[in-house]
Amino acid sequence: MAAEPTIPMPPHELEAIEHIDNSLVFPSFTSATAWNLGVALRTKLLAFAKPCVIDISLAHGNHCLFHAVTHPGTTPDNDSWVSRKRNTVLRWGNSTWYAHNKFKGDEAAFAAKFSLGTSAGSYAMHGGGWPVRVQGVAGLVAVVVVSGLKQEQDHGIIVQTVGEMLEEMGVEVEKKKED
């Protein structure tokens, strides 16, 4: 069997994560955009042996625009992760990878900081939930979630695929300047 593709490791520094997440901005985002992004993610994820779920939903009303799996073997737990990652992105407006690195993976500190109490299980601070932003629109428009790989891969494949899609659309993506 051929080796699985590599996904660039996302940064761990909050400023770098925030810069990437905020620089990947769509000129518009329609159901066709969501479909094309979902298909591109699924196509890339088919190269991995682990089954994954891809979900793209609007930020308001939990309206699903794309939902698919890659291989047999996903379970209802994958959809639970999708929901929890989506909730985190919607509540705090950042990627779940940002939340994971902000709290250094400490779920108890995360739950305590926001007084989540018994609702802590409704949120996940594991990479794979990403905010869709649109030029000229305040706030989030949609949330992309990948569940099934290692969390840095879930996040990395979203960022990589969105970046490629924006380039294909002719959108100039601002690169972080190195010091």
N, C-alpha and C. Protein backbone atom coordinates (compact mmCIF):
# COMPACT_ATOMS: atom_id res chain seq x y z
N MET A 1 0.85 -1.19 0.00
CA MET A 1 0.00 0.00 0.00
C MET A 1 0.89 1.24 0.00
N ALA A 2 0.50 2.24 -0.76
CA ALA A 2 1.26 3.48 -0.85
C ALA A 2 1.20 4.24 0.48
N ALA A 3 2.24 4.99 0.71
CA ALA A 3 2.30 5.79 1.94
C ALA A 3 1.23 6.88 1.88
N GLU A 4 0.70 7.20 3.05
CA GLU A 4 -0.29 8.27 3.14
C GLU A 4 0.38 9.61 2.86
N PRO A 5 -0.35 10.53 2.28
CA PRO A 5 0.24 11.85 2.01
C PRO A 5 0.57 12.57 3.32
N THR A 6 1.48 13.50 3.23
CA THR A 6 1.80 14.30 4.41
C THR A 6 0.99 15.59 4.36
N ILE A 7 0.64 16.02 5.53
CA ILE A 7 -0.09 17.28 5.69
C ILE A 7 0.86 18.20 6.46
N PRO A 8 1.08 19.41 5.97
CA PRO A 8 1.97 20.32 6.70
C PRO A 8 1.51 20.49 8.15
N MET A 9 2.45 20.38 9.07
CA MET A 9 2.15 20.54 10.50
C MET A 9 1.77 22.00 10.76
N PRO A 10 0.60 22.23 11.34
CA PRO A 10 0.22 23.61 11.64
C PRO A 10 1.08 24.15 12.78
N PRO A 11 1.21 25.47 12.83
CA PRO A 11 2.00 26.07 13.91
C PRO A 11 1.31 25.89 15.26
N HIS A 12 2.09 26.03 16.33
CA HIS A 12 1.56 25.96 17.69
C HIS A 12 1.44 27.35 18.32
N GLU A 13 2.08 28.35 17.73
CA GLU A 13 2.05 29.70 18.28
C GLU A 13 0.71 30.36 17.96
N LEU A 14 0.08 30.91 18.96
CA LEU A 14 -1.27 31.47 18.81
C LEU A 14 -1.33 32.55 17.73
N GLU A 15 -0.35 33.44 17.71
CA GLU A 15 -0.34 34.52 16.72
C GLU A 15 -0.30 33.96 15.30
N ALA A 16 0.50 32.93 15.09
CA ALA A 16 0.62 32.32 13.76
C ALA A 16 -0.67 31.60 13.37
N ILE A 17 -1.28 30.90 14.31
CA ILE A 17 -2.55 30.21 14.02
C ILE A 17 -3.62 31.23 13.67
N GLU A 18 -3.72 32.26 14.49
CA GLU A 18 -4.73 33.29 14.27
C GLU A 18 -4.52 33.99 12.92
N HIS A 19 -3.26 34.25 12.59
CA HIS A 19 -2.96 34.91 11.31
C HIS A 19 -3.44 34.06 10.14
N ILE A 20 -3.12 32.77 10.18
CA ILE A 20 -3.53 31.87 9.09
C ILE A 20 -5.06 31.80 9.02
N ASP A 21 -5.69 31.56 10.16
CA ASP A 21 -7.15 31.42 10.19
C ASP A 21 -7.85 32.68 9.69
N ASN A 22 -7.28 33.85 9.98
CA ASN A 22 -7.91 35.11 9.58
C ASN A 22 -7.52 35.56 8.18
N SER A 23 -6.47 34.98 7.61
CA SER A 23 -6.05 35.40 6.27
C SER A 23 -6.71 34.58 5.17
N LEU A 24 -7.27 33.44 5.52
CA LEU A 24 -7.96 32.61 4.52
C LEU A 24 -9.42 33.03 4.48
N VAL A 25 -9.71 34.03 3.66
CA VAL A 25 -11.04 34.65 3.61
C VAL A 25 -11.62 34.48 2.21
N PHE A 26 -12.81 33.95 2.16
CA PHE A 26 -13.50 33.74 0.89
C PHE A 26 -14.08 35.05 0.38
N PRO A 27 -14.13 35.25 -0.96
CA PRO A 27 -14.80 36.43 -1.50
C PRO A 27 -16.32 36.31 -1.35
N SER A 28 -16.82 35.08 -1.36
CA SER A 28 -18.23 34.77 -1.10
C SER A 28 -18.26 33.31 -0.68
N PHE A 29 -19.38 32.88 -0.09
CA PHE A 29 -19.49 31.48 0.33
C PHE A 29 -20.93 31.04 0.13
N THR A 30 -21.13 30.17 -0.85
CA THR A 30 -22.46 29.69 -1.19
C THR A 30 -22.52 28.19 -0.98
N SER A 31 -23.68 27.61 -1.22
CA SER A 31 -23.79 26.15 -1.13
C SER A 31 -22.88 25.48 -2.14
N ALA A 32 -22.67 26.10 -3.30
CA ALA A 32 -21.75 25.55 -4.30
C ALA A 32 -20.31 25.60 -3.79
N THR A 33 -19.94 26.68 -3.11
CA THR A 33 -18.60 26.78 -2.53
C THR A 33 -18.40 25.69 -1.49
N ALA A 34 -19.40 25.50 -0.64
CA ALA A 34 -19.31 24.46 0.39
C ALA A 34 -19.19 23.08 -0.25
N TRP A 35 -19.97 22.83 -1.28
CA TRP A 35 -19.90 21.54 -1.98
C TRP A 35 -18.50 21.31 -2.54
N ASN A 36 -17.96 22.31 -3.25
CA ASN A 36 -16.64 22.17 -3.85
C ASN A 36 -15.56 21.97 -2.80
N LEU A 37 -15.65 22.69 -1.69
CA LEU A 37 -14.69 22.52 -0.60
C LEU A 37 -14.84 21.13 0.01
N GLY A 38 -16.07 20.70 0.26
CA GLY A 38 -16.30 19.38 0.84
C GLY A 38 -15.77 18.27 -0.04
N VAL A 39 -16.02 18.37 -1.34
CA VAL A 39 -15.54 17.35 -2.28
C VAL A 39 -14.01 17.34 -2.31
N ALA A 40 -13.40 18.53 -2.31
CA ALA A 40 -11.93 18.61 -2.31
C ALA A 40 -11.35 17.97 -1.04
N LEU A 41 -11.96 18.26 0.11
CA LEU A 41 -11.50 17.65 1.36
C LEU A 41 -11.67 16.13 1.32
N ARG A 42 -12.82 15.68 0.89
CA ARG A 42 -13.07 14.24 0.84
C ARG A 42 -12.09 13.55 -0.11
N THR A 43 -11.83 14.14 -1.26
CA THR A 43 -10.89 13.56 -2.22
C THR A 43 -9.51 13.40 -1.59
N LYS A 44 -9.05 14.44 -0.89
CA LYS A 44 -7.74 14.37 -0.22
C LYS A 44 -7.76 13.32 0.90
N LEU A 45 -8.83 13.28 1.65
CA LEU A 45 -8.91 12.38 2.80
C LEU A 45 -9.06 10.91 2.39
N LEU A 46 -9.50 10.64 1.17
CA LEU A 46 -9.60 9.26 0.71
C LEU A 46 -8.23 8.57 0.68
N ALA A 47 -7.16 9.35 0.59
CA ALA A 47 -5.81 8.80 0.56
C ALA A 47 -5.35 8.28 1.92
N PHE A 48 -6.12 8.56 2.96
CA PHE A 48 -5.78 8.10 4.31
C PHE A 48 -6.60 6.86 4.63
N ALA A 49 -5.99 5.92 5.33
CA ALA A 49 -6.67 4.67 5.67
C ALA A 49 -7.78 4.88 6.70
N LYS A 50 -7.59 5.82 7.62
CA LYS A 50 -8.58 6.04 8.67
C LYS A 50 -9.84 6.68 8.11
N PRO A 51 -11.00 6.21 8.53
CA PRO A 51 -12.24 6.83 8.07
C PRO A 51 -12.43 8.20 8.72
N CYS A 52 -12.92 9.13 7.95
CA CYS A 52 -13.14 10.50 8.43
C CYS A 52 -14.53 10.97 8.07
N VAL A 53 -14.99 11.96 8.82
CA VAL A 53 -16.23 12.67 8.53
C VAL A 53 -15.86 14.11 8.19
N ILE A 54 -16.50 14.63 7.14
CA ILE A 54 -16.34 16.03 6.76
C ILE A 54 -17.71 16.67 6.89
N ASP A 55 -17.76 17.83 7.54
CA ASP A 55 -19.03 18.54 7.72
C ASP A 55 -18.79 20.02 7.50
N ILE A 56 -19.66 20.62 6.69
CA ILE A 56 -19.64 22.07 6.49
C ILE A 56 -21.06 22.56 6.73
N SER A 57 -21.20 23.43 7.73
CA SER A 57 -22.52 23.94 8.11
C SER A 57 -22.47 25.45 8.23
N LEU A 58 -23.58 26.09 7.92
CA LEU A 58 -23.67 27.53 8.12
C LEU A 58 -23.60 27.85 9.61
N ALA A 59 -23.14 29.04 9.92
CA ALA A 59 -22.97 29.44 11.31
C ALA A 59 -24.31 29.67 12.01
N HIS A 60 -25.33 29.97 11.27
CA HIS A 60 -26.64 30.20 11.89
C HIS A 60 -27.54 28.99 11.63
N GLY A 61 -28.22 28.56 12.62
CA GLY A 61 -29.23 27.53 12.47
C GLY A 61 -28.73 26.13 12.20
N ASN A 62 -27.44 25.89 12.28
CA ASN A 62 -26.89 24.55 12.07
C ASN A 62 -27.35 23.94 10.74
N HIS A 63 -27.42 24.76 9.70
CA HIS A 63 -27.85 24.30 8.38
C HIS A 63 -26.68 23.62 7.68
N CYS A 64 -26.78 22.33 7.47
CA CYS A 64 -25.70 21.54 6.87
C CYS A 64 -25.67 21.72 5.36
N LEU A 65 -24.49 22.09 4.85
CA LEU A 65 -24.30 22.26 3.41
C LEU A 65 -23.56 21.08 2.79
N PHE A 66 -22.76 20.38 3.60
CA PHE A 66 -22.01 19.22 3.11
C PHE A 66 -21.72 18.31 4.30
N HIS A 67 -21.95 17.02 4.10
CA HIS A 67 -21.63 16.04 5.14
C HIS A 67 -21.34 14.72 4.45
N ALA A 68 -20.15 14.20 4.66
CA ALA A 68 -19.77 12.95 4.00
C ALA A 68 -18.72 12.23 4.83
N VAL A 69 -18.59 10.94 4.55
CA VAL A 69 -17.53 10.13 5.15
C VAL A 69 -16.60 9.66 4.05
N THR A 70 -15.41 9.20 4.46
CA THR A 70 -14.44 8.75 3.47
C THR A 70 -14.43 7.24 3.28
N HIS A 71 -14.45 6.49 4.37
CA HIS A 71 -14.35 5.04 4.32
C HIS A 71 -15.30 4.43 5.34
N PRO A 72 -15.63 3.15 5.17
CA PRO A 72 -16.41 2.48 6.22
C PRO A 72 -15.65 2.51 7.54
N GLY A 73 -16.40 2.57 8.62
CA GLY A 73 -15.77 2.54 9.93
C GLY A 73 -16.02 3.77 10.78
N THR A 74 -16.65 4.78 10.20
CA THR A 74 -17.00 5.91 11.06
C THR A 74 -18.13 5.45 11.97
N THR A 75 -18.27 6.15 13.08
CA THR A 75 -19.28 5.80 14.08
C THR A 75 -20.02 7.07 14.49
N PRO A 76 -21.09 6.93 15.25
CA PRO A 76 -21.77 8.13 15.77
C PRO A 76 -20.82 9.02 16.59
N ASP A 77 -19.76 8.44 17.13
CA ASP A 77 -18.80 9.24 17.88
C ASP A 77 -18.16 10.30 16.99
N ASN A 78 -17.90 9.97 15.72
CA ASN A 78 -17.35 10.98 14.81
C ASN A 78 -18.28 12.17 14.68
N ASP A 79 -19.58 11.91 14.58
CA ASP A 79 -20.54 13.01 14.48
C ASP A 79 -20.62 13.80 15.78
N SER A 80 -20.41 13.13 16.90
CA SER A 80 -20.34 13.84 18.18
C SER A 80 -19.16 14.81 18.19
N TRP A 81 -18.00 14.34 17.69
CA TRP A 81 -16.83 15.22 17.59
C TRP A 81 -17.12 16.40 16.66
N VAL A 82 -17.80 16.14 15.55
CA VAL A 82 -18.16 17.22 14.62
C VAL A 82 -18.97 18.28 15.36
N SER A 83 -19.98 17.87 16.08
CA SER A 83 -20.84 18.79 16.81
C SER A 83 -20.05 19.58 17.86
N ARG A 84 -19.21 18.89 18.61
CA ARG A 84 -18.44 19.55 19.67
C ARG A 84 -17.43 20.55 19.11
N LYS A 85 -16.76 20.17 18.01
CA LYS A 85 -15.80 21.09 17.39
C LYS A 85 -16.53 22.30 16.82
N ARG A 86 -17.66 22.06 16.18
CA ARG A 86 -18.46 23.15 15.61
C ARG A 86 -18.90 24.12 16.71
N ASN A 87 -19.37 23.58 17.83
CA ASN A 87 -19.80 24.43 18.95
C ASN A 87 -18.67 25.33 19.44
N THR A 88 -17.46 24.79 19.50
CA THR A 88 -16.31 25.57 19.96
C THR A 88 -16.01 26.71 19.01
N VAL A 89 -16.00 26.42 17.71
CA VAL A 89 -15.73 27.47 16.72
C VAL A 89 -16.81 28.55 16.80
N LEU A 90 -18.06 28.15 16.90
CA LEU A 90 -19.14 29.14 16.94
C LEU A 90 -19.10 29.99 18.20
N ARG A 91 -18.78 29.39 19.33
CA ARG A 91 -18.80 30.16 20.59
C ARG A 91 -17.64 31.14 20.69
N TRP A 92 -16.43 30.73 20.24
CA TRP A 92 -15.26 31.58 20.44
C TRP A 92 -14.73 32.20 19.16
N GLY A 93 -15.24 31.80 18.01
CA GLY A 93 -14.86 32.44 16.74
C GLY A 93 -13.48 32.12 16.23
N ASN A 94 -12.85 31.13 16.82
CA ASN A 94 -11.51 30.72 16.38
C ASN A 94 -11.55 29.24 16.03
N SER A 95 -10.48 28.78 15.39
CA SER A 95 -10.37 27.36 15.11
C SER A 95 -10.18 26.58 16.41
N THR A 96 -10.55 25.33 16.37
CA THR A 96 -10.34 24.48 17.55
C THR A 96 -8.86 24.23 17.79
N TRP A 97 -8.05 24.32 16.75
CA TRP A 97 -6.59 24.18 16.91
C TRP A 97 -6.06 25.36 17.73
N TYR A 98 -6.61 26.54 17.50
CA TYR A 98 -6.24 27.71 18.29
C TYR A 98 -6.58 27.46 19.76
N ALA A 99 -7.81 26.98 20.02
CA ALA A 99 -8.22 26.71 21.41
C ALA A 99 -7.32 25.66 22.05
N HIS A 100 -7.00 24.62 21.30
CA HIS A 100 -6.14 23.56 21.83
C HIS A 100 -4.78 24.13 22.26
N ASN A 101 -4.21 24.95 21.42
CA ASN A 101 -2.88 25.50 21.72
C ASN A 101 -2.94 26.59 22.78
N LYS A 102 -4.02 27.35 22.82
CA LYS A 102 -4.16 28.39 23.85
C LYS A 102 -4.16 27.77 25.24
N PHE A 103 -4.80 26.61 25.37
CA PHE A 103 -4.89 25.95 26.67
C PHE A 103 -3.93 24.77 26.80
N LYS A 104 -3.01 24.67 25.82
CA LYS A 104 -2.00 23.60 25.84
C LYS A 104 -2.61 22.22 26.05
N GLY A 105 -3.79 22.02 25.49
CA GLY A 105 -4.46 20.73 25.57
C GLY A 105 -5.11 20.43 26.92
N ASP A 106 -5.10 21.37 27.84
CA ASP A 106 -5.63 21.15 29.18
C ASP A 106 -7.14 21.42 29.19
N GLU A 107 -7.91 20.35 29.04
CA GLU A 107 -9.36 20.48 28.96
C GLU A 107 -9.97 21.01 30.25
N ALA A 108 -9.39 20.64 31.40
CA ALA A 108 -9.92 21.12 32.68
C ALA A 108 -9.75 22.64 32.80
N ALA A 109 -8.59 23.14 32.37
CA ALA A 109 -8.35 24.59 32.41
C ALA A 109 -9.30 25.31 31.45
N PHE A 110 -9.52 24.73 30.29
CA PHE A 110 -10.45 25.27 29.30
C PHE A 110 -11.85 25.37 29.89
N ALA A 111 -12.32 24.29 30.48
CA ALA A 111 -13.67 24.24 31.07
C ALA A 111 -13.79 25.22 32.24
N ALA A 112 -12.74 25.30 33.06
CA ALA A 112 -12.77 26.21 34.22
C ALA A 112 -12.77 27.67 33.78
N LYS A 113 -11.95 28.01 32.80
CA LYS A 113 -11.83 29.38 32.32
C LYS A 113 -13.19 29.94 31.89
N PHE A 114 -14.00 29.10 31.25
CA PHE A 114 -15.27 29.56 30.72
C PHE A 114 -16.47 29.07 31.53
N SER A 115 -16.21 28.57 32.73
CA SER A 115 -17.28 28.10 33.62
C SER A 115 -18.25 27.18 32.90
N LEU A 116 -17.69 26.20 32.18
CA LEU A 116 -18.53 25.33 31.38
C LEU A 116 -19.30 24.31 32.20
N GLY A 117 -18.78 23.94 33.37
CA GLY A 117 -19.49 23.00 34.24
C GLY A 117 -19.94 21.77 33.50
N THR A 118 -21.22 21.43 33.64
CA THR A 118 -21.73 20.20 33.03
C THR A 118 -21.85 20.30 31.51
N SER A 119 -21.72 21.50 30.95
CA SER A 119 -21.80 21.64 29.49
C SER A 119 -20.44 21.48 28.82
N ALA A 120 -19.39 21.20 29.58
CA ALA A 120 -18.04 21.06 29.02
C ALA A 120 -18.00 20.02 27.90
N GLY A 121 -18.79 18.97 28.00
CA GLY A 121 -18.82 17.94 26.99
C GLY A 121 -19.42 18.37 25.66
N SER A 122 -19.98 19.57 25.62
CA SER A 122 -20.55 20.08 24.38
C SER A 122 -19.50 20.76 23.51
N TYR A 123 -18.28 20.87 24.01
CA TYR A 123 -17.22 21.58 23.31
C TYR A 123 -15.98 20.68 23.21
N ALA A 124 -15.23 20.87 22.13
CA ALA A 124 -13.97 20.14 21.95
C ALA A 124 -12.89 21.11 21.53
N MET A 125 -11.77 21.06 22.22
CA MET A 125 -10.64 21.91 21.86
C MET A 125 -9.56 21.09 21.19
N HIS A 126 -9.97 20.29 20.23
CA HIS A 126 -9.07 19.45 19.44
C HIS A 126 -9.14 19.94 18.00
N GLY A 127 -8.01 20.02 17.33
CA GLY A 127 -7.97 20.51 15.96
C GLY A 127 -8.96 19.82 15.05
N GLY A 128 -9.45 20.57 14.07
CA GLY A 128 -10.37 20.01 13.10
C GLY A 128 -11.65 20.81 12.93
N GLY A 129 -11.82 21.88 13.70
CA GLY A 129 -12.95 22.79 13.53
C GLY A 129 -12.40 24.13 13.07
N TRP A 130 -12.92 24.65 11.98
CA TRP A 130 -12.33 25.86 11.39
C TRP A 130 -13.40 26.85 10.96
N PRO A 131 -13.19 28.17 11.26
CA PRO A 131 -14.18 29.19 10.93
C PRO A 131 -14.07 29.68 9.49
N VAL A 132 -15.19 29.71 8.79
CA VAL A 132 -15.23 30.27 7.44
C VAL A 132 -15.56 31.75 7.55
N ARG A 133 -14.69 32.56 6.99
CA ARG A 133 -14.89 34.01 6.97
C ARG A 133 -15.06 34.46 5.52
N VAL A 134 -15.85 35.51 5.34
CA VAL A 134 -16.11 36.05 4.01
C VAL A 134 -15.79 37.54 4.03
N GLN A 135 -15.10 37.98 2.99
CA GLN A 135 -14.72 39.38 2.87
C GLN A 135 -15.94 40.28 3.00
N GLY A 136 -15.84 41.28 3.87
CA GLY A 136 -16.92 42.25 4.04
C GLY A 136 -18.05 41.81 4.94
N VAL A 137 -17.95 40.61 5.52
CA VAL A 137 -19.00 40.10 6.40
C VAL A 137 -18.44 40.01 7.83
N ALA A 138 -19.12 40.60 8.77
CA ALA A 138 -18.68 40.53 10.17
C ALA A 138 -19.05 39.16 10.73
N GLY A 139 -18.13 38.56 11.45
CA GLY A 139 -18.39 37.27 12.09
C GLY A 139 -18.18 36.10 11.15
N LEU A 140 -18.58 34.95 11.63
CA LEU A 140 -18.41 33.71 10.89
C LEU A 140 -19.61 33.45 9.98
N VAL A 141 -19.35 32.83 8.85
CA VAL A 141 -20.40 32.49 7.92
C VAL A 141 -20.71 31.00 8.01
N ALA A 142 -19.67 30.20 8.23
CA ALA A 142 -19.85 28.75 8.28
C ALA A 142 -18.72 28.15 9.11
N VAL A 143 -18.84 26.85 9.34
CA VAL A 143 -17.82 26.10 10.06
C VAL A 143 -17.51 24.84 9.27
N VAL A 144 -16.22 24.58 9.08
CA VAL A 144 -15.76 23.35 8.44
C VAL A 144 -15.19 22.47 9.55
N VAL A 145 -15.60 21.19 9.55
CA VAL A 145 -15.08 20.25 10.54
C VAL A 145 -14.62 18.99 9.83
N VAL A 146 -13.44 18.51 10.23
CA VAL A 146 -12.94 17.20 9.83
C VAL A 146 -12.70 16.42 11.11
N SER A 147 -13.16 15.18 11.15
CA SER A 147 -12.98 14.32 12.31
C SER A 147 -12.55 12.94 11.85
N GLY A 148 -11.43 12.48 12.41
CA GLY A 148 -11.00 11.12 12.11
C GLY A 148 -9.50 10.92 12.12
N LEU A 149 -8.73 11.93 11.76
CA LEU A 149 -7.28 11.82 11.79
C LEU A 149 -6.76 12.36 13.12
N LYS A 150 -5.45 12.47 13.26
CA LYS A 150 -4.89 13.16 14.41
C LYS A 150 -5.32 14.62 14.30
N GLN A 151 -5.50 15.26 15.46
CA GLN A 151 -6.07 16.60 15.46
C GLN A 151 -5.28 17.61 14.63
N GLU A 152 -3.96 17.52 14.63
CA GLU A 152 -3.17 18.45 13.82
C GLU A 152 -3.37 18.18 12.33
N GLN A 153 -3.65 16.92 11.98
CA GLN A 153 -3.95 16.60 10.58
C GLN A 153 -5.34 17.07 10.20
N ASP A 154 -6.31 16.89 11.09
CA ASP A 154 -7.67 17.38 10.83
C ASP A 154 -7.62 18.88 10.53
N HIS A 155 -6.89 19.63 11.34
CA HIS A 155 -6.77 21.08 11.13
C HIS A 155 -5.98 21.38 9.87
N GLY A 156 -4.83 20.73 9.75
CA GLY A 156 -3.92 21.01 8.64
C GLY A 156 -4.53 20.78 7.27
N ILE A 157 -5.33 19.72 7.14
CA ILE A 157 -5.91 19.44 5.82
C ILE A 157 -6.97 20.46 5.46
N ILE A 158 -7.67 20.99 6.45
CA ILE A 158 -8.66 22.05 6.17
C ILE A 158 -7.93 23.29 5.67
N VAL A 159 -6.92 23.73 6.42
CA VAL A 159 -6.19 24.95 6.07
C VAL A 159 -5.53 24.80 4.70
N GLN A 160 -4.91 23.64 4.46
CA GLN A 160 -4.25 23.39 3.18
C GLN A 160 -5.26 23.45 2.03
N THR A 161 -6.39 22.78 2.19
CA THR A 161 -7.39 22.70 1.13
C THR A 161 -8.05 24.05 0.88
N VAL A 162 -8.38 24.77 1.95
CA VAL A 162 -8.96 26.11 1.78
C VAL A 162 -7.97 27.02 1.07
N GLY A 163 -6.71 26.99 1.47
CA GLY A 163 -5.69 27.81 0.81
C GLY A 163 -5.59 27.51 -0.68
N GLU A 164 -5.58 26.24 -1.02
CA GLU A 164 -5.52 25.84 -2.43
C GLU A 164 -6.76 26.30 -3.19
N MET A 165 -7.91 26.15 -2.56
CA MET A 165 -9.16 26.55 -3.20
C MET A 165 -9.19 28.05 -3.45
N LEU A 166 -8.75 28.83 -2.47
CA LEU A 166 -8.72 30.28 -2.64
C LEU A 166 -7.76 30.68 -3.76
N GLU A 167 -6.62 30.02 -3.84
CA GLU A 167 -5.67 30.30 -4.93
C GLU A 167 -6.31 30.00 -6.28
N GLU A 168 -7.03 28.87 -6.38
CA GLU A 168 -7.72 28.52 -7.63
C GLU A 168 -8.79 29.54 -7.98
N MET A 169 -9.35 30.18 -6.96
CA MET A 169 -10.37 31.22 -7.17
C MET A 169 -9.74 32.57 -7.52
N GLY A 170 -8.41 32.63 -7.49
CA GLY A 170 -7.71 33.87 -7.78
C GLY A 170 -7.59 34.81 -6.60
N VAL A 171 -7.85 34.30 -5.40
CA VAL A 171 -7.74 35.12 -4.19
C VAL A 171 -6.29 35.10 -3.72
N GLU A 172 -5.76 36.28 -3.49
CA GLU A 172 -4.40 36.37 -2.99
C GLU A 172 -4.43 36.18 -1.48
N VAL A 173 -3.74 35.14 -1.01
CA VAL A 173 -3.70 34.83 0.41
C VAL A 173 -2.45 35.47 1.00
N GLU A 174 -2.66 36.30 2.02
CA GLU A 174 -1.54 36.97 2.68
C GLU A 174 -0.72 35.95 3.45
N LYS A 175 0.57 35.96 3.18
CA LYS A 175 1.48 35.05 3.88
C LYS A 175 2.08 35.77 5.08
N LYS A 176 2.32 35.02 6.15
CA LYS A 176 2.93 35.57 7.37
C LYS A 176 4.36 35.92 7.06
N LYS A 177 4.75 37.12 7.40
CA LYS A 177 6.14 37.55 7.19
C LYS A 177 7.03 36.95 8.24
N GLU A 178 8.14 36.43 7.80
CA GLU A 178 9.13 35.87 8.73
C GLU A 178 9.99 36.99 9.26
N ASP A 179 10.33 36.94 10.55
CA ASP A 179 11.17 37.98 11.15
C ASP A 179 12.62 37.75 10.82
